[in-house]
Amino acid sequence: MTMEKVVKSVKYDKPINSQWGEFHKWLLEFEDGFRGEYLSKTETQNKFIEGQNAEIEVTQREYNGTKINKIKPASTFQQGGGFKENTSSKMTKEEWNAKDKKKEKYIAKQVSLKCAIDYCIANDGGPAEIIEIADAFTEWILNDVKPKTIAMGKTYLLIKIQEKKFMTWKLAIVLN
């Protein structure tokens, strides 16, 4: 059962060990006189604050012939049947395509930067060479523009290698 109440008092009672670990028992009283207990995983709970409204779920359990109200904050989870269309911000197909292109560009830049860093580590390159090489890789990935030379006086070729069903590219470095 779910209801909204104003918290009158919150009192720490004691720690409780259960099969799910240690809990901390809190005794709650609401302004309408309703009382119950709340179990928290932490010794300092922040779900129930004196003087504030609280939406609660209540279940009852019986202990030694006495009914005890078990209280917990009401769930804000809304159960639905899958994805719902967001009508507040519909994007056109062109907007989605532009967004996808932008994402593609960022991914290509990240991959290119990683490869350029690896290349420069192996060949004593610095930050300027890293960016220059990364830009060349990005240009090739996005626009199929194959660079001829790169920093540090080296020339490289991108060689297409077909292994079984997979196509890969290998960076071959030719010293000038």
Protein backbone atom coordinates (compact mmCIF):
# COMPACT_ATOMS: atom_id res chain seq x y z
CA MET A 1 0.00 0.00 0.00
CA THR A 2 1.39 3.43 -0.98
CA MET A 3 0.57 6.65 0.87
CA GLU A 4 1.90 10.14 1.47
CA LYS A 5 2.55 11.32 5.02
CA VAL A 6 4.38 14.04 6.95
CA VAL A 7 7.25 12.73 9.07
CA LYS A 8 6.89 13.65 12.75
CA SER A 9 9.88 11.81 14.24
CA VAL A 10 12.76 9.60 13.14
CA LYS A 11 14.66 7.66 15.81
CA TYR A 12 17.55 5.25 15.37
CA ASP A 13 16.84 1.97 17.15
CA LYS A 14 19.60 -0.59 16.58
CA PRO A 15 21.67 -2.52 14.04
CA ILE A 16 20.20 -5.83 12.84
CA ASN A 17 22.13 -8.70 11.25
CA SER A 18 20.24 -10.64 8.61
CA GLN A 19 21.02 -13.08 5.83
CA TRP A 20 21.42 -10.00 3.56
CA GLY A 21 23.97 -8.31 5.79
CA GLU A 22 23.74 -5.63 8.45
CA PHE A 23 20.79 -3.23 8.48
CA HIS A 24 19.98 -0.31 10.73
CA LYS A 25 16.51 -0.13 12.21
CA TRP A 26 14.76 3.26 12.40
CA LEU A 27 11.48 3.92 14.19
CA LEU A 28 9.25 6.33 12.26
CA GLU A 29 6.21 8.25 13.41
CA PHE A 30 4.05 10.39 11.18
CA GLU A 31 1.88 13.40 12.09
CA ASP A 32 -1.32 11.37 11.78
CA GLY A 33 -0.05 8.94 14.46
CA PHE A 34 0.92 6.19 12.01
CA ARG A 35 4.04 4.33 13.15
CA GLY A 36 6.41 1.77 11.69
CA GLU A 37 9.98 0.70 11.19
CA TYR A 38 12.39 1.37 8.36
CA LEU A 39 15.50 -0.69 7.65
CA SER A 40 18.45 1.11 6.10
CA LYS A 41 21.78 -0.26 4.87
CA THR A 42 23.53 2.82 6.31
CA GLU A 43 23.60 4.10 9.86
CA THR A 44 22.80 7.63 8.63
CA GLN A 45 19.64 7.48 6.54
CA ASN A 46 18.34 10.43 4.52
CA LYS A 47 15.05 9.07 3.19
CA PHE A 48 12.87 10.32 6.03
CA ILE A 49 13.36 13.87 7.37
CA GLU A 50 11.30 15.28 10.22
CA GLY A 51 8.73 17.83 9.01
CA GLN A 52 8.92 16.77 5.36
CA ASN A 53 6.41 14.90 3.22
CA ALA A 54 7.30 11.32 2.39
CA GLU A 55 5.68 8.98 -0.08
CA ILE A 56 5.88 5.55 1.52
CA GLU A 57 5.08 1.92 0.82
CA VAL A 58 3.82 -0.05 3.80
CA THR A 59 3.71 -3.78 4.35
CA GLN A 60 2.85 -5.57 7.58
CA ARG A 61 4.61 -8.41 9.28
CA GLU A 62 3.76 -10.24 12.43
CA TYR A 63 6.30 -10.70 15.22
CA ASN A 64 5.37 -12.51 18.45
CA GLY A 65 1.66 -11.85 17.83
CA THR A 66 2.18 -8.10 17.18
CA LYS A 67 1.63 -6.54 13.75
CA ILE A 68 4.51 -4.29 12.71
CA ASN A 69 4.33 -1.78 9.86
CA LYS A 70 7.38 -2.10 7.61
CA ILE A 71 7.97 1.21 5.86
CA LYS A 72 10.12 2.03 2.86
CA PRO A 73 10.25 4.98 0.46
CA ALA A 74 7.81 4.57 -2.42
CA SER A 75 9.47 3.37 -5.60
CA THR A 76 9.79 5.94 -8.37
CA PHE A 77 10.28 3.18 -10.94
CA GLN A 78 7.60 3.32 -13.60
CA GLN A 79 6.91 0.04 -15.23
CA GLY A 80 6.25 0.25 -18.91
CA GLY A 81 6.05 -1.98 -21.90
CA GLY A 82 9.35 -1.17 -23.58
CA PHE A 83 10.55 2.05 -25.10
CA LYS A 84 8.26 5.02 -25.38
CA GLU A 85 8.61 7.64 -28.03
CA ASN A 86 9.96 10.95 -26.78
CA THR A 87 7.57 13.49 -28.27
CA SER A 88 9.18 16.52 -26.60
CA SER A 89 12.26 16.57 -28.84
CA LYS A 90 11.77 14.86 -32.15
CA MET A 91 14.75 15.00 -34.47
CA THR A 92 14.50 14.87 -38.21
CA LYS A 93 16.33 12.25 -40.24
CA GLU A 94 18.80 14.93 -41.34
CA GLU A 95 19.49 15.89 -37.71
CA TRP A 96 20.09 12.24 -36.79
CA ASN A 97 22.43 11.85 -39.77
CA ALA A 98 24.37 14.96 -38.75
CA LYS A 99 24.61 13.66 -35.20
CA ASP A 100 25.82 10.27 -36.46
CA LYS A 101 28.42 11.92 -38.70
CA LYS A 102 29.71 13.96 -35.77
CA LYS A 103 29.95 10.82 -33.63
CA GLU A 104 31.73 9.00 -36.47
CA LYS A 105 34.24 11.84 -36.69
CA TYR A 106 34.96 11.73 -32.94
CA ILE A 107 35.48 7.97 -33.04
CA ALA A 108 37.79 8.26 -36.05
CA LYS A 109 39.78 10.99 -34.29
CA GLN A 110 40.12 8.89 -31.14
CA VAL A 111 41.32 5.85 -33.07
CA SER A 112 43.69 7.97 -35.12
CA LEU A 113 45.11 9.64 -32.04
CA LYS A 114 45.77 6.28 -30.39
CA CYS A 115 47.51 4.95 -33.49
CA ALA A 116 49.55 8.13 -33.87
CA ILE A 117 50.66 7.96 -30.24
CA ASP A 118 51.73 4.33 -30.67
CA TYR A 119 53.60 5.25 -33.85
CA CYS A 120 55.39 8.18 -32.22
CA ILE A 121 56.35 6.18 -29.14
CA ALA A 122 57.99 3.60 -31.39
CA ASN A 123 59.72 6.28 -33.49
CA ASP A 124 60.63 9.00 -30.96
CA GLY A 125 57.99 11.46 -32.12
CA GLY A 126 56.67 14.34 -30.06
CA PRO A 127 53.28 16.03 -29.57
CA ALA A 128 53.42 17.97 -32.84
CA GLU A 129 54.07 14.79 -34.82
CA ILE A 130 51.30 12.96 -32.95
CA ILE A 131 48.70 15.51 -34.02
CA GLU A 132 50.00 15.65 -37.59
CA ILE A 133 49.91 11.86 -37.91
CA ALA A 134 46.49 11.62 -36.21
CA ASP A 135 45.08 14.20 -38.64
CA ALA A 136 46.46 12.19 -41.57
CA PHE A 137 44.88 8.99 -40.26
CA THR A 138 41.56 10.75 -39.61
CA GLU A 139 41.55 12.22 -43.13
CA TRP A 140 42.14 8.76 -44.55
CA ILE A 141 39.43 7.13 -42.38
CA LEU A 142 36.75 9.75 -43.08
CA ASN A 143 37.57 10.90 -46.61
CA ASP A 144 39.73 8.10 -48.08
CA VAL A 145 42.56 10.59 -48.66
CA LYS A 146 45.80 8.63 -48.51
CA PRO A 147 48.73 10.66 -47.21
CA LYS A 148 52.13 10.35 -48.87
CA THR A 149 54.52 11.60 -46.19
CA ILE A 150 54.34 12.34 -42.54
CA ALA A 151 56.44 14.01 -39.87
CA MET A 152 59.88 12.82 -38.81
CA GLY A 153 60.98 12.43 -42.43
CA LYS A 154 59.39 9.02 -42.89
CA THR A 155 57.06 7.85 -45.61
CA TYR A 156 54.38 5.32 -44.98
CA LEU A 157 52.02 3.26 -47.06
CA LEU A 158 48.76 1.76 -46.03
CA ILE A 159 48.73 -1.79 -47.29
CA LYS A 160 45.49 -3.70 -47.63
CA ILE A 161 45.83 -7.24 -46.31
CA GLN A 162 43.18 -9.89 -46.72
CA GLU A 163 43.28 -12.74 -44.22
CA LYS A 164 40.58 -15.34 -44.64
CA LYS A 165 37.28 -13.40 -44.56
CA PHE A 166 38.62 -10.30 -42.81
CA MET A 167 40.13 -7.23 -44.42
CA THR A 168 42.70 -5.31 -42.39
CA TRP A 169 45.09 -2.47 -43.01
CA LYS A 170 48.71 -2.47 -41.98
CA LEU A 171 50.98 0.52 -41.61
CA ALA A 172 54.26 -0.01 -43.44
CA ILE A 173 57.00 2.50 -42.74
CA VAL A 174 59.57 3.23 -45.39
CA LEU A 175 62.61 5.20 -44.24
CA ASN A 176 63.65 8.09 -46.52
